[in-house]
């Protein structure tokens, strides 16, 4: 079985997800909450700027957690072989 190498989190990945989230936020503000487009754009831009560091921090936390779990499992695998 080949092991899948886990990619470290990147700022560009966090920015891509933040852009997607901000776009959904913008659409919801305009269509459901009936906000003016200028207000919706401003709030979405603020959310975009907030989502980037939060998303990267969550990605980094999850990546480190997965690496720690793999390190703990490695000695168990060697003893079974």
PDB file of N, CA and C in Angstrom:
ATOM      1  N   UNK A   1       0.839  -1.188   0.000  1.00  0.00           N
ATOM      2  CA  UNK A   1       0.000   0.000   0.000  1.00  0.00           C
ATOM      3  C   UNK A   1       0.879   1.245   0.000  1.00  0.00           C
ATOM      4  N   UNK A   2       0.649   2.139  -0.937  1.00  0.00           N
ATOM      5  CA  UNK A   2       1.404   3.388  -0.977  1.00  0.00           C
ATOM      6  C   UNK A   2       0.847   4.385   0.024  1.00  0.00           C
ATOM      7  N   UNK A   3       1.748   5.077   0.657  1.00  0.00           N
ATOM      8  CA  UNK A   3       1.297   6.079   1.623  1.00  0.00           C
ATOM      9  C   UNK A   3       1.109   7.408   0.926  1.00  0.00           C
ATOM     10  N   UNK A   4       0.015   8.045   1.205  1.00  0.00           N
ATOM     11  CA  UNK A   4      -0.281   9.353   0.644  1.00  0.00           C
ATOM     12  C   UNK A   4       0.452  10.409   1.468  1.00  0.00           C
ATOM     13  N   UNK A   5       1.257  11.207   0.794  1.00  0.00           N
ATOM     14  CA  UNK A   5       1.993  12.267   1.498  1.00  0.00           C
ATOM     15  C   UNK A   5       1.061  13.444   1.728  1.00  0.00           C
ATOM     16  N   UNK A   6       0.998  13.854   2.942  1.00  0.00           N
ATOM     17  CA  UNK A   6       0.126  14.958   3.351  1.00  0.00           C
ATOM     18  C   UNK A   6       0.788  16.295   3.011  1.00  0.00           C
ATOM     19  N   UNK A   7       0.071  17.158   2.299  1.00  0.00           N
ATOM     20  CA  UNK A   7       0.596  18.468   1.931  1.00  0.00           C
ATOM     21  C   UNK A   7       0.460  19.432   3.101  1.00  0.00           C
ATOM     22  N   UNK A   8       1.482  20.222   3.315  1.00  0.00           N
ATOM     23  CA  UNK A   8       1.433  21.245   4.355  1.00  0.00           C
ATOM     24  C   UNK A   8       0.481  22.356   3.910  1.00  0.00           C
ATOM     25  N   UNK A   9      -0.195  23.001   4.846  1.00  0.00           N
ATOM     26  CA  UNK A   9      -1.126  24.068   4.477  1.00  0.00           C
ATOM     27  C   UNK A   9      -0.394  25.261   3.861  1.00  0.00           C
ATOM     28  N   UNK A  10      -1.040  25.897   2.913  1.00  0.00           N
ATOM     29  CA  UNK A  10      -0.445  27.058   2.253  1.00  0.00           C
ATOM     30  C   UNK A  10      -1.379  28.256   2.394  1.00  0.00           C
ATOM     31  N   UNK A  11      -0.776  29.442   2.277  1.00  0.00           N
ATOM     32  CA  UNK A  11      -1.576  30.661   2.328  1.00  0.00           C
ATOM     33  C   UNK A  11      -2.454  30.780   1.090  1.00  0.00           C
ATOM     34  N   UNK A  12      -1.959  30.303  -0.046  1.00  0.00           N
ATOM     35  CA  UNK A  12      -2.766  30.397  -1.266  1.00  0.00           C
ATOM     36  C   UNK A  12      -3.983  29.475  -1.182  1.00  0.00           C
ATOM     37  N   UNK A  13      -3.827  28.322  -0.555  1.00  0.00           N
ATOM     38  CA  UNK A  13      -4.971  27.440  -0.358  1.00  0.00           C
ATOM     39  C   UNK A  13      -6.000  28.066   0.569  1.00  0.00           C
ATOM     40  N   UNK A  14      -5.506  28.706   1.625  1.00  0.00           N
ATOM     41  CA  UNK A  14      -6.415  29.384   2.551  1.00  0.00           C
ATOM     42  C   UNK A  14      -7.118  30.553   1.856  1.00  0.00           C
ATOM     43  N   UNK A  15      -6.399  31.267   0.995  1.00  0.00           N
ATOM     44  CA  UNK A  15      -7.008  32.390   0.277  1.00  0.00           C
ATOM     45  C   UNK A  15      -8.071  31.903  -0.705  1.00  0.00           C
ATOM     46  N   UNK A  16      -7.829  30.782  -1.347  1.00  0.00           N
ATOM     47  CA  UNK A  16      -8.825  30.225  -2.269  1.00  0.00           C
ATOM     48  C   UNK A  16     -10.114  29.849  -1.564  1.00  0.00           C
ATOM     49  N   UNK A  17      -9.987  29.187  -0.435  1.00  0.00           N
ATOM     50  CA  UNK A  17     -11.185  28.827   0.330  1.00  0.00           C
ATOM     51  C   UNK A  17     -11.866  30.063   0.902  1.00  0.00           C
ATOM     52  N   UNK A  18     -11.072  31.068   1.293  1.00  0.00           N
ATOM     53  CA  UNK A  18     -11.646  32.310   1.810  1.00  0.00           C
ATOM     54  C   UNK A  18     -12.427  33.032   0.719  1.00  0.00           C
ATOM     55  N   UNK A  19     -11.902  33.019  -0.501  1.00  0.00           N
ATOM     56  CA  UNK A  19     -12.603  33.650  -1.627  1.00  0.00           C
ATOM     57  C   UNK A  19     -13.933  32.944  -1.886  1.00  0.00           C
ATOM     58  N   UNK A  20     -13.917  31.624  -1.859  1.00  0.00           N
ATOM     59  CA  UNK A  20     -15.159  30.864  -2.053  1.00  0.00           C
ATOM     60  C   UNK A  20     -16.165  31.184  -0.948  1.00  0.00           C
ATOM     61  N   UNK A  21     -15.711  31.205   0.299  1.00  0.00           N
ATOM     62  CA  UNK A  21     -16.602  31.507   1.417  1.00  0.00           C
ATOM     63  C   UNK A  21     -17.159  32.920   1.351  1.00  0.00           C
ATOM     64  N   UNK A  22     -16.306  33.875   0.973  1.00  0.00           N
ATOM     65  CA  UNK A  22     -16.758  35.263   0.864  1.00  0.00           C
ATOM     66  C   UNK A  22     -17.766  35.425  -0.273  1.00  0.00           C
ATOM     67  N   UNK A  23     -17.570  34.691  -1.356  1.00  0.00           N
ATOM     68  CA  UNK A  23     -18.526  34.754  -2.468  1.00  0.00           C
ATOM     69  C   UNK A  23     -19.893  34.218  -2.045  1.00  0.00           C
ATOM     70  N   UNK A  24     -19.908  33.112  -1.331  1.00  0.00           N
ATOM     71  CA  UNK A  24     -21.171  32.563  -0.816  1.00  0.00           C
ATOM     72  C   UNK A  24     -21.818  33.557   0.140  1.00  0.00           C
ATOM     73  N   UNK A  25     -21.009  34.166   0.994  1.00  0.00           N
ATOM     74  CA  UNK A  25     -21.492  35.159   1.942  1.00  0.00           C
ATOM     75  C   UNK A  25     -22.127  36.337   1.199  1.00  0.00           C
ATOM     76  N   UNK A  26     -21.468  36.801   0.135  1.00  0.00           N
ATOM     77  CA  UNK A  26     -21.983  37.906  -0.675  1.00  0.00           C
ATOM     78  C   UNK A  26     -23.338  37.552  -1.289  1.00  0.00           C
ATOM     79  N   UNK A  27     -23.420  36.371  -1.866  1.00  0.00           N
ATOM     80  CA  UNK A  27     -24.676  35.931  -2.502  1.00  0.00           C
ATOM     81  C   UNK A  27     -25.800  35.850  -1.477  1.00  0.00           C
ATOM     82  N   UNK A  28     -25.508  35.317  -0.317  1.00  0.00           N
ATOM     83  CA  UNK A  28     -26.531  35.224   0.733  1.00  0.00           C
ATOM     84  C   UNK A  28     -26.984  36.613   1.187  1.00  0.00           C
ATOM     85  N   UNK A  29     -26.037  37.523   1.352  1.00  0.00           N
ATOM     86  CA  UNK A  29     -26.397  38.877   1.782  1.00  0.00           C
ATOM     87  C   UNK A  29     -27.305  39.570   0.769  1.00  0.00           C
ATOM     88  N   UNK A  30     -27.001  39.411  -0.504  1.00  0.00           N
ATOM     89  CA  UNK A  30     -27.779  40.097  -1.537  1.00  0.00           C
ATOM     90  C   UNK A  30     -29.133  39.415  -1.749  1.00  0.00           C
ATOM     91  N   UNK A  31     -29.143  38.103  -1.907  1.00  0.00           N
ATOM     92  CA  UNK A  31     -30.379  37.402  -2.278  1.00  0.00           C
ATOM     93  C   UNK A  31     -31.316  37.139  -1.102  1.00  0.00           C
ATOM     94  N   UNK A  32     -30.776  36.720   0.015  1.00  0.00           N
ATOM     95  CA  UNK A  32     -31.648  36.334   1.128  1.00  0.00           C
ATOM     96  C   UNK A  32     -31.895  37.495   2.087  1.00  0.00           C
ATOM     97  N   UNK A  33     -30.817  38.221   2.417  1.00  0.00           N
ATOM     98  CA  UNK A  33     -30.967  39.284   3.405  1.00  0.00           C
ATOM     99  C   UNK A  33     -31.253  40.648   2.795  1.00  0.00           C
ATOM    100  N   UNK A  34     -31.325  40.708   1.445  1.00  0.00           N
ATOM    101  CA  UNK A  34     -31.721  41.920   0.707  1.00  0.00           C
ATOM    102  C   UNK A  34     -30.879  43.140   1.078  1.00  0.00           C
ATOM    103  N   UNK A  35     -29.587  42.969   1.237  1.00  0.00           N
ATOM    104  CA  UNK A  35     -28.677  44.076   1.522  1.00  0.00           C
ATOM    105  C   UNK A  35     -28.273  44.730   0.201  1.00  0.00           C
ATOM    106  N   UNK A  36     -28.003  46.035   0.231  1.00  0.00           N
ATOM    107  CA  UNK A  36     -27.487  46.685  -0.990  1.00  0.00           C
ATOM    108  C   UNK A  36     -26.161  46.057  -1.406  1.00  0.00           C
ATOM    109  N   UNK A  37     -25.885  46.063  -2.699  1.00  0.00           N
ATOM    110  CA  UNK A  37     -24.692  45.413  -3.225  1.00  0.00           C
ATOM    111  C   UNK A  37     -23.421  46.011  -2.632  1.00  0.00           C
ATOM    112  N   UNK A  38     -23.366  47.317  -2.458  1.00  0.00           N
ATOM    113  CA  UNK A  38     -22.160  47.951  -1.902  1.00  0.00           C
ATOM    114  C   UNK A  38     -21.900  47.478  -0.475  1.00  0.00           C
ATOM    115  N   UNK A  39     -22.950  47.395   0.314  1.00  0.00           N
ATOM    116  CA  UNK A  39     -22.808  46.928   1.696  1.00  0.00           C
ATOM    117  C   UNK A  39     -22.401  45.457   1.717  1.00  0.00           C
ATOM    118  N   UNK A  40     -23.041  44.662   0.872  1.00  0.00           N
ATOM    119  CA  UNK A  40     -22.721  43.235   0.805  1.00  0.00           C
ATOM    120  C   UNK A  40     -21.272  43.031   0.370  1.00  0.00           C
ATOM    121  N   UNK A  41     -20.808  43.840  -0.585  1.00  0.00           N
ATOM    122  CA  UNK A  41     -19.421  43.720  -1.043  1.00  0.00           C
ATOM    123  C   UNK A  41     -18.443  44.086   0.069  1.00  0.00           C
ATOM    124  N   UNK A  42     -18.726  45.152   0.789  1.00  0.00           N
ATOM    125  CA  UNK A  42     -17.844  45.567   1.881  1.00  0.00           C
ATOM    126  C   UNK A  42     -17.775  44.495   2.971  1.00  0.00           C
ATOM    127  N   UNK A  43     -18.917  43.984   3.372  1.00  0.00           N
ATOM    128  CA  UNK A  43     -18.932  42.939   4.402  1.00  0.00           C
ATOM    129  C   UNK A  43     -18.241  41.667   3.915  1.00  0.00           C
ATOM    130  N   UNK A  44     -18.447  41.332   2.656  1.00  0.00           N
ATOM    131  CA  UNK A  44     -17.798  40.141   2.098  1.00  0.00           C
ATOM    132  C   UNK A  44     -16.289  40.319   2.034  1.00  0.00           C
ATOM    133  N   UNK A  45     -15.833  41.518   1.699  1.00  0.00           N
ATOM    134  CA  UNK A  45     -14.391  41.784   1.670  1.00  0.00           C
ATOM    135  C   UNK A  45     -13.797  41.656   3.074  1.00  0.00           C
ATOM    136  N   UNK A  46     -14.505  42.151   4.064  1.00  0.00           N
ATOM    137  CA  UNK A  46     -14.033  42.012   5.443  1.00  0.00           C
ATOM    138  C   UNK A  46     -13.996  40.543   5.863  1.00  0.00           C
ATOM    139  N   UNK A  47     -15.017  39.795   5.477  1.00  0.00           N
ATOM    140  CA  UNK A  47     -15.040  38.365   5.803  1.00  0.00           C
ATOM    141  C   UNK A  47     -13.898  37.632   5.105  1.00  0.00           C
ATOM    142  N   UNK A  48     -13.611  38.020   3.862  1.00  0.00           N
ATOM    143  CA  UNK A  48     -12.498  37.420   3.135  1.00  0.00           C
ATOM    144  C   UNK A  48     -11.191  37.618   3.892  1.00  0.00           C
ATOM    145  N   UNK A  49     -10.963  38.848   4.351  1.00  0.00           N
ATOM    146  CA  UNK A  49      -9.736  39.143   5.087  1.00  0.00           C
ATOM    147  C   UNK A  49      -9.676  38.416   6.429  1.00  0.00           C
ATOM    148  N   UNK A  50     -10.816  38.147   7.007  1.00  0.00           N
ATOM    149  CA  UNK A  50     -10.869  37.412   8.266  1.00  0.00           C
ATOM    150  C   UNK A  50     -10.716  35.905   8.046  1.00  0.00           C
ATOM    151  N   UNK A  51     -11.301  35.394   6.957  1.00  0.00           N
ATOM    152  CA  UNK A  51     -11.257  33.955   6.673  1.00  0.00           C
ATOM    153  C   UNK A  51      -9.845  33.455   6.374  1.00  0.00           C
ATOM    154  N   UNK A  52      -9.011  34.278   5.753  1.00  0.00           N
ATOM    155  CA  UNK A  52      -7.674  33.803   5.345  1.00  0.00           C
ATOM    156  C   UNK A  52      -6.843  33.347   6.551  1.00  0.00           C
ATOM    157  N   UNK A  53      -6.596  34.209   7.545  1.00  0.00           N
ATOM    158  CA  UNK A  53      -5.761  33.728   8.663  1.00  0.00           C
ATOM    159  C   UNK A  53      -6.454  32.653   9.502  1.00  0.00           C
ATOM    160  N   UNK A  54      -7.771  32.746   9.646  1.00  0.00           N
ATOM    161  CA  UNK A  54      -8.475  31.714  10.411  1.00  0.00           C
ATOM    162  C   UNK A  54      -8.415  30.365   9.703  1.00  0.00           C
ATOM    163  N   UNK A  55      -8.621  30.375   8.399  1.00  0.00           N
ATOM    164  CA  UNK A  55      -8.558  29.133   7.632  1.00  0.00           C
ATOM    165  C   UNK A  55      -7.173  28.517   7.660  1.00  0.00           C
ATOM    166  N   UNK A  56      -6.155  29.355   7.544  1.00  0.00           N
ATOM    167  CA  UNK A  56      -4.783  28.843   7.581  1.00  0.00           C
ATOM    168  C   UNK A  56      -4.460  28.266   8.961  1.00  0.00           C
ATOM    169  N   UNK A  57      -4.913  28.923  10.006  1.00  0.00           N
ATOM    170  CA  UNK A  57      -4.653  28.424  11.364  1.00  0.00           C
ATOM    171  C   UNK A  57      -5.330  27.068  11.584  1.00  0.00           C
ATOM    172  N   UNK A  58      -6.544  26.923  11.097  1.00  0.00           N
ATOM    173  CA  UNK A  58      -7.254  25.643  11.245  1.00  0.00           C
ATOM    174  C   UNK A  58      -6.559  24.562  10.432  1.00  0.00           C
ATOM    175  N   UNK A  59      -6.153  24.892   9.195  1.00  0.00           N
ATOM    176  CA  UNK A  59      -5.437  23.923   8.365  1.00  0.00           C
ATOM    177  C   UNK A  59      -4.140  23.476   9.025  1.00  0.00           C
ATOM    178  N   UNK A  60      -3.395  24.440   9.590  1.00  0.00           N
ATOM    179  CA  UNK A  60      -2.121  24.127  10.240  1.00  0.00           C
ATOM    180  C   UNK A  60      -2.349  23.232  11.463  1.00  0.00           C
ATOM    181  N   UNK A  61      -3.391  23.536  12.237  1.00  0.00           N
ATOM    182  CA  UNK A  61      -3.716  22.717  13.407  1.00  0.00           C
ATOM    183  C   UNK A  61      -4.039  21.283  12.994  1.00  0.00           C
ATOM    184  N   UNK A  62      -4.893  21.141  11.966  1.00  0.00           N
ATOM    185  CA  UNK A  62      -5.284  19.804  11.522  1.00  0.00           C
ATOM    186  C   UNK A  62      -4.091  19.043  10.931  1.00  0.00           C
ATOM    187  N   UNK A  63      -3.232  19.732  10.212  1.00  0.00           N
ATOM    188  CA  UNK A  63      -2.052  19.093   9.624  1.00  0.00           C
ATOM    189  C   UNK A  63      -1.115  18.583  10.717  1.00  0.00           C
ATOM    190  N   UNK A  64      -0.850  19.416  11.705  1.00  0.00           N
ATOM    191  CA  UNK A  64       0.033  18.998  12.803  1.00  0.00           C
ATOM    192  C   UNK A  64      -0.576  17.842  13.587  1.00  0.00           C
ATOM    193  N   UNK A  65      -1.872  17.879  13.769  1.00  0.00           N
ATOM    194  CA  UNK A  65      -2.553  16.795  14.487  1.00  0.00           C
ATOM    195  C   UNK A  65      -2.416  15.478  13.730  1.00  0.00           C
ATOM    196  N   UNK A  66      -2.575  15.524  12.420  1.00  0.00           N
ATOM    197  CA  UNK A  66      -2.452  14.316  11.611  1.00  0.00           C
ATOM    198  C   UNK A  66      -1.018  13.789  11.641  1.00  0.00           C
ATOM    199  N   UNK A  67      -0.032  14.698  11.603  1.00  0.00           N
ATOM    200  CA  UNK A  67       1.364  14.263  11.671  1.00  0.00           C
ATOM    201  C   UNK A  67       1.677  13.603  13.011  1.00  0.00           C
ATOM    202  N   UNK A  68       1.171  14.176  14.104  1.00  0.00           N
ATOM    203  CA  UNK A  68       1.391  13.567  15.428  1.00  0.00           C
ATOM    204  C   UNK A  68       0.765  12.180  15.508  1.00  0.00           C
ATOM    205  N   UNK A  69      -0.415  12.042  14.945  1.00  0.00           N
ATOM    206  CA  UNK A  69      -1.088  10.742  14.956  1.00  0.00           C
ATOM    207  C   UNK A  69      -0.271   9.721  14.175  1.00  0.00           C
ATOM    208  N   UNK A  70       0.243  10.105  13.030  1.00  0.00           N
ATOM    209  CA  UNK A  70       1.066   9.186  12.237  1.00  0.00           C
ATOM    210  C   UNK A  70       2.352   8.806  12.965  1.00  0.00           C
ATOM    211  N   UNK A  71       2.953   9.772  13.673  1.00  0.00           N
ATOM    212  CA  UNK A  71       4.184   9.472  14.408  1.00  0.00           C
ATOM    213  C   UNK A  71       3.913   8.476  15.527  1.00  0.00           C
ATOM    214  N   UNK A  72       2.755   8.585  16.167  1.00  0.00           N
ATOM    215  CA  UNK A  72       2.407   7.636  17.225  1.00  0.00           C
ATOM    216  C   UNK A  72       2.140   6.252  16.657  1.00  0.00           C
ATOM    217  N   UNK A  73       1.574   6.185  15.445  1.00  0.00           N
ATOM    218  CA  UNK A  73       1.241   4.894  14.843  1.00  0.00           C
ATOM    219  C   UNK A  73       2.456   4.199  14.255  1.00  0.00           C
ATOM    220  N   UNK A  74       3.512   4.924  13.920  1.00  0.00           N
ATOM    221  CA  UNK A  74       4.683   4.335  13.280  1.00  0.00           C
ATOM    222  C   UNK A  74       5.330   3.222  14.091  1.00  0.00           C
ATOM    223  N   UNK A  75       5.608   3.382  15.379  1.00  0.00           N
ATOM    224  CA  UNK A  75       6.201   2.264  16.139  1.00  0.00           C
ATOM    225  C   UNK A  75       5.292   1.033  16.166  1.00  0.00           C
ATOM    226  N   UNK A  76       3.989   1.224  16.197  1.00  0.00           N
ATOM    227  CA  UNK A  76       3.062   0.100  16.199  1.00  0.00           C
ATOM    228  C   UNK A  76       3.158  -0.686  14.898  1.00  0.00           C
ATOM    229  N   UNK A  77       3.297   0.008  13.791  1.00  0.00           N
ATOM    230  CA  UNK A  77       3.418  -0.659  12.485  1.00  0.00           C
ATOM    231  C   UNK A  77       4.690  -1.461  12.394  1.00  0.00           C
ATOM    232  N   UNK A  78       5.784  -0.933  12.941  1.00  0.00           N
ATOM    233  CA  UNK A  78       7.070  -1.635  12.851  1.00  0.00           C
ATOM    234  C   UNK A  78       7.040  -2.906  13.672  1.00  0.00           C
ATOM    235  N   UNK A  79       6.367  -2.920  14.811  1.00  0.00           N
ATOM    236  CA  UNK A  79       6.319  -4.114  15.638  1.00  0.00           C
ATOM    237  C   UNK A  79       5.443  -5.183  15.022  1.00  0.00           C
ATOM    238  N   UNK A  80       4.458  -4.795  14.244  1.00  0.00           N
ATOM    239  CA  UNK A  80       3.576  -5.775  13.600  1.00  0.00           C
ATOM    240  C   UNK A  80       4.227  -6.462  12.407  1.00  0.00           C
ATOM    241  N   UNK A  81       5.192  -5.813  11.778  1.00  0.00           N
ATOM    242  CA  UNK A  81       5.789  -6.376  10.563  1.00  0.00           C
ATOM    243  C   UNK A  81       6.750  -7.477  10.843  1.00  0.00           C
TER     244      UNK A  81
END
